[in-house]
Protein backbone atom coordinates (compact mmCIF):
# COMPACT_ATOMS: atom_id res chain seq x y z
CA MET A 1 125.91 119.59 83.34
CA GLU A 2 124.15 122.69 82.30
CA GLN A 3 126.26 123.57 79.82
CA TYR A 4 126.41 120.22 78.20
CA LYS A 5 123.05 118.62 79.34
CA ASP A 6 122.10 117.50 75.70
CA ASN A 7 125.41 115.76 75.50
CA VAL A 8 126.14 114.34 78.82
CA THR A 9 124.22 111.84 81.15
CA PHE A 10 124.70 111.40 84.76
CA VAL A 11 124.66 107.96 85.92
CA TYR A 12 124.78 107.11 89.61
CA ARG A 13 125.40 103.60 90.64
CA ASN A 14 124.83 102.00 94.06
CA PHE A 15 127.61 99.63 95.13
CA PRO A 16 126.13 98.25 98.70
CA LEU A 17 129.26 97.68 100.80
CA THR A 18 128.12 94.45 102.32
CA THR A 19 131.30 93.65 104.06
CA ILE A 20 131.24 96.57 106.36
CA HIS A 21 127.61 97.52 106.36
CA ARG A 22 124.88 95.12 107.53
CA ASN A 23 121.93 96.75 105.96
CA ALA A 24 123.65 97.91 102.68
CA VAL A 25 121.53 95.93 100.26
CA VAL A 26 118.35 96.84 101.83
CA SER A 27 118.97 100.40 101.74
CA ALA A 28 120.57 100.51 98.22
CA GLN A 29 116.73 98.58 97.59
CA MET A 30 114.92 101.22 99.18
CA VAL A 31 116.85 104.29 97.23
CA ARG A 32 115.80 102.21 93.87
CA ILE A 33 112.01 101.47 95.26
CA ALA A 34 111.66 105.34 95.58
CA GLY A 35 113.31 106.27 92.54
CA GLU A 36 110.65 103.91 90.76
CA GLN A 37 108.24 106.62 92.19
CA GLY A 38 110.20 109.38 91.29
CA LYS A 39 111.90 110.31 94.56
CA TYR A 40 115.51 108.56 94.47
CA TRP A 41 117.42 111.55 95.46
CA GLU A 42 115.15 112.36 98.35
CA MET A 43 115.31 109.03 99.69
CA HIS A 44 118.96 108.87 98.96
CA ASP A 45 119.41 112.24 101.20
CA LYS A 46 117.19 111.13 103.78
CA LEU A 47 119.03 107.61 104.27
CA PHE A 48 122.44 109.48 104.51
CA GLU A 49 120.89 111.88 107.06
CA THR A 50 119.34 109.21 109.28
CA GLN A 51 121.95 106.69 108.87
CA THR A 52 122.73 106.39 112.45
CA GLU A 53 118.99 105.39 113.08
CA TRP A 54 118.89 102.48 110.83
CA SER A 55 122.22 101.20 110.28
CA GLU A 56 122.74 98.74 112.77
CA VAL A 57 119.20 97.83 113.43
CA PRO A 58 118.46 94.12 112.58
CA ASP A 59 115.80 95.15 110.14
CA PRO A 60 115.30 98.72 108.85
CA THR A 61 112.29 98.14 106.70
CA ASP A 62 109.67 99.56 109.02
CA LEU A 63 111.89 102.70 109.48
CA PHE A 64 112.21 102.97 105.64
CA VAL A 65 108.41 102.70 105.10
CA THR A 66 108.13 105.67 107.55
CA TYR A 67 110.60 107.66 105.67
CA ALA A 68 108.90 106.78 102.30
CA ALA A 69 105.73 108.23 103.96
CA GLU A 70 107.51 111.24 105.19
CA LEU A 71 108.50 111.75 101.48
CA GLY A 72 105.22 111.14 100.10
CA LEU A 73 105.69 107.72 98.44
CA ASN A 74 103.11 105.08 98.06
CA THR A 75 104.02 102.83 101.00
CA SER A 76 101.71 100.11 100.30
CA SER A 77 104.14 97.60 98.48
CA ILE A 78 107.34 98.63 99.91
CA LYS A 79 107.58 96.00 102.42
CA SER A 80 107.20 93.23 99.86
CA GLU A 81 109.07 94.94 97.43
CA ILE A 82 112.44 94.82 100.01
CA SER A 83 111.45 91.14 100.92
CA SER A 84 111.10 90.12 97.51
CA GLY A 85 114.74 91.17 96.62
CA LYS A 86 113.87 92.29 93.04
CA ILE A 87 116.25 94.75 93.16
CA TYR A 88 119.14 93.05 93.95
CA ARG A 89 119.14 89.39 92.51
């Protein structure tokens, strides 16, 4: 990337594995929401580090808001953005 930074674009795509991961879509939404605030990779890493905490809970939204606050994100609209499904419609 350093050598060819003007000629290469790195693209990372989320492909939520919904058949094996009950919170796949909501976690992918959270990462995208964080990305809109400039913290995509920070949230990506946080969710991988804490996966055992949230992967099997019925609704991880409150945990995700906590993680977002820890990363310094504006948390005022996160719950409504997740429930709207705007990222994965």
